[in-house]
């Protein structure tokens, strides 16, 4: 699976952005998907994850209510809608995929970057104050 993230850019505080992550291959619906971010000088951190069917989502405590993840399995794409962006949201955002062919993996384990099999190249989001 190859992942291509896009949609980043420079925005002002309070603005919105929608990131996209397009996946190659015909088995996208077998993968749980996650978004992580890495701010300058900081470690990569979990943002949000969605189950392979799209029926379940988990969010980091830092973004509830502002960020929404969704997916379109027909288009092999996962989205991250980010509202009310703040300067502290400035980071490179990465999408990631983990195979969950039987649907048996607990989504909560998707909070750890170590549980993902594939990563996109990242897209930079910069929020000015």
Protein backbone atom coordinates (compact mmCIF):
# COMPACT_ATOMS: atom_id res chain seq x y z
CA UNK A 1 0.00 0.00 0.00
CA UNK A 2 1.27 3.44 -0.91
CA UNK A 3 -0.14 6.49 0.80
CA UNK A 4 -0.16 10.03 -0.55
CA UNK A 5 -1.14 12.80 1.84
CA UNK A 6 -2.17 16.24 0.64
CA UNK A 7 -4.07 19.34 1.66
CA UNK A 8 -1.65 21.04 4.01
CA UNK A 9 -0.82 24.70 3.86
CA UNK A 10 -0.49 27.99 5.68
CA UNK A 11 -3.61 29.22 7.45
CA UNK A 12 -4.53 31.63 10.19
CA UNK A 13 -5.73 30.71 13.65
CA UNK A 14 -9.40 29.82 13.57
CA UNK A 15 -9.31 28.62 9.95
CA UNK A 16 -10.11 25.14 8.68
CA UNK A 17 -8.29 22.68 6.48
CA UNK A 18 -9.12 19.28 5.10
CA UNK A 19 -6.31 16.82 4.61
CA UNK A 20 -6.63 13.87 2.27
CA UNK A 21 -4.72 10.63 2.10
CA UNK A 22 -5.08 8.56 -1.03
CA UNK A 23 -4.10 4.91 -0.93
CA UNK A 24 -3.07 2.66 -3.76
CA UNK A 25 -4.29 -0.89 -4.14
CA UNK A 26 -7.66 -2.61 -4.05
CA UNK A 27 -7.74 -3.70 -0.42
CA UNK A 28 -8.12 -0.32 1.26
CA UNK A 29 -11.17 -1.47 3.17
CA UNK A 30 -9.05 -4.02 5.04
CA UNK A 31 -6.95 -1.28 6.66
CA UNK A 32 -7.54 0.80 9.72
CA UNK A 33 -6.28 4.31 9.05
CA UNK A 34 -4.69 6.85 11.32
CA UNK A 35 -3.37 10.39 11.31
CA UNK A 36 -0.32 11.42 13.29
CA UNK A 37 1.52 14.69 13.48
CA UNK A 38 5.00 15.84 14.33
CA UNK A 39 5.71 19.38 15.39
CA UNK A 40 9.22 20.87 15.11
CA UNK A 41 11.45 19.47 17.81
CA UNK A 42 8.80 17.09 19.10
CA UNK A 43 8.01 13.44 18.76
CA UNK A 44 5.36 12.14 16.42
CA UNK A 45 2.01 12.01 18.18
CA UNK A 46 -1.30 10.33 17.53
CA UNK A 47 -4.19 12.48 16.33
CA UNK A 48 -7.05 10.24 15.23
CA UNK A 49 -7.82 6.80 13.80
CA UNK A 50 -10.72 5.20 12.00
CA UNK A 51 -11.66 1.57 11.63
CA UNK A 52 -11.57 -0.14 8.28
CA UNK A 53 -15.32 0.18 7.82
CA UNK A 54 -15.45 3.74 9.09
CA UNK A 55 -17.79 2.79 11.88
CA UNK A 56 -15.47 3.54 14.75
CA UNK A 57 -13.17 6.45 15.51
CA UNK A 58 -10.78 7.36 18.28
CA UNK A 59 -9.29 10.79 18.93
CA UNK A 60 -6.38 12.18 20.86
CA UNK A 61 -7.40 14.16 23.92
CA UNK A 62 -5.90 17.29 22.39
CA UNK A 63 -8.28 17.48 19.41
CA UNK A 64 -11.79 16.36 20.40
CA UNK A 65 -14.52 18.31 18.70
CA UNK A 66 -12.18 20.16 16.34
CA UNK A 67 -10.92 17.36 14.14
CA UNK A 68 -12.99 14.78 12.29
CA UNK A 69 -11.74 11.74 10.44
CA UNK A 70 -13.71 10.07 7.68
CA UNK A 71 -13.05 7.70 4.84
CA UNK A 72 -14.42 6.78 1.47
CA UNK A 73 -13.50 3.20 0.72
CA UNK A 74 -14.79 3.50 -2.84
CA UNK A 75 -12.20 6.23 -3.42
CA UNK A 76 -9.43 4.65 -1.32
CA UNK A 77 -9.17 7.90 0.60
CA UNK A 78 -9.21 8.99 4.21
CA UNK A 79 -9.82 12.58 5.24
CA UNK A 80 -9.00 14.74 8.21
CA UNK A 81 -11.21 17.77 8.63
CA UNK A 82 -9.56 20.26 10.96
CA UNK A 83 -11.53 23.19 12.31
CA UNK A 84 -10.63 26.07 14.60
CA UNK A 85 -6.95 25.52 13.95
CA UNK A 86 -4.53 26.90 16.48
CA UNK A 87 -0.80 27.66 16.26
CA UNK A 88 -0.10 24.58 18.36
CA UNK A 89 -1.58 22.47 15.56
CA UNK A 90 1.38 23.40 13.38
CA UNK A 91 3.07 20.17 12.36
CA UNK A 92 3.73 17.74 9.58
CA UNK A 93 0.70 15.47 9.38
CA UNK A 94 1.16 11.85 8.39
CA UNK A 95 -1.41 9.29 7.42
CA UNK A 96 -0.80 5.66 8.22
CA UNK A 97 -2.40 2.32 7.47
CA UNK A 98 -2.45 -0.95 9.34
CA UNK A 99 -3.81 -4.19 8.01
CA UNK A 100 -6.80 -5.46 9.92
CA UNK A 101 -8.00 -8.12 7.55
CA UNK A 102 -10.19 -9.96 10.05
CA UNK A 103 -11.35 -6.84 11.81
CA UNK A 104 -10.16 -8.26 15.11
CA UNK A 105 -7.58 -5.65 16.09
CA UNK A 106 -8.81 -3.24 18.77
CA UNK A 107 -8.96 0.24 17.33
CA UNK A 108 -7.53 1.69 20.52
CA UNK A 109 -4.20 0.05 19.74
CA UNK A 110 -4.11 2.39 16.77
CA UNK A 111 -2.93 5.13 19.10
CA UNK A 112 0.59 3.76 18.81
CA UNK A 113 2.60 4.51 15.69
CA UNK A 114 4.34 1.16 16.10
CA UNK A 115 1.16 -0.65 15.10
CA UNK A 116 1.03 0.74 11.58
CA UNK A 117 2.40 -0.94 8.51
CA UNK A 118 2.50 1.87 5.97
CA UNK A 119 3.09 5.61 6.12
CA UNK A 120 2.51 8.52 3.82
CA UNK A 121 5.12 11.18 3.18
CA UNK A 122 3.48 13.85 5.33
CA UNK A 123 1.89 17.19 4.58
CA UNK A 124 2.83 20.39 6.39
CA UNK A 125 0.21 22.42 8.21
CA UNK A 126 1.27 25.83 9.46
CA UNK A 127 -1.08 27.91 11.58
CA UNK A 128 -0.19 31.54 12.15
CA UNK A 129 -1.50 33.51 15.09
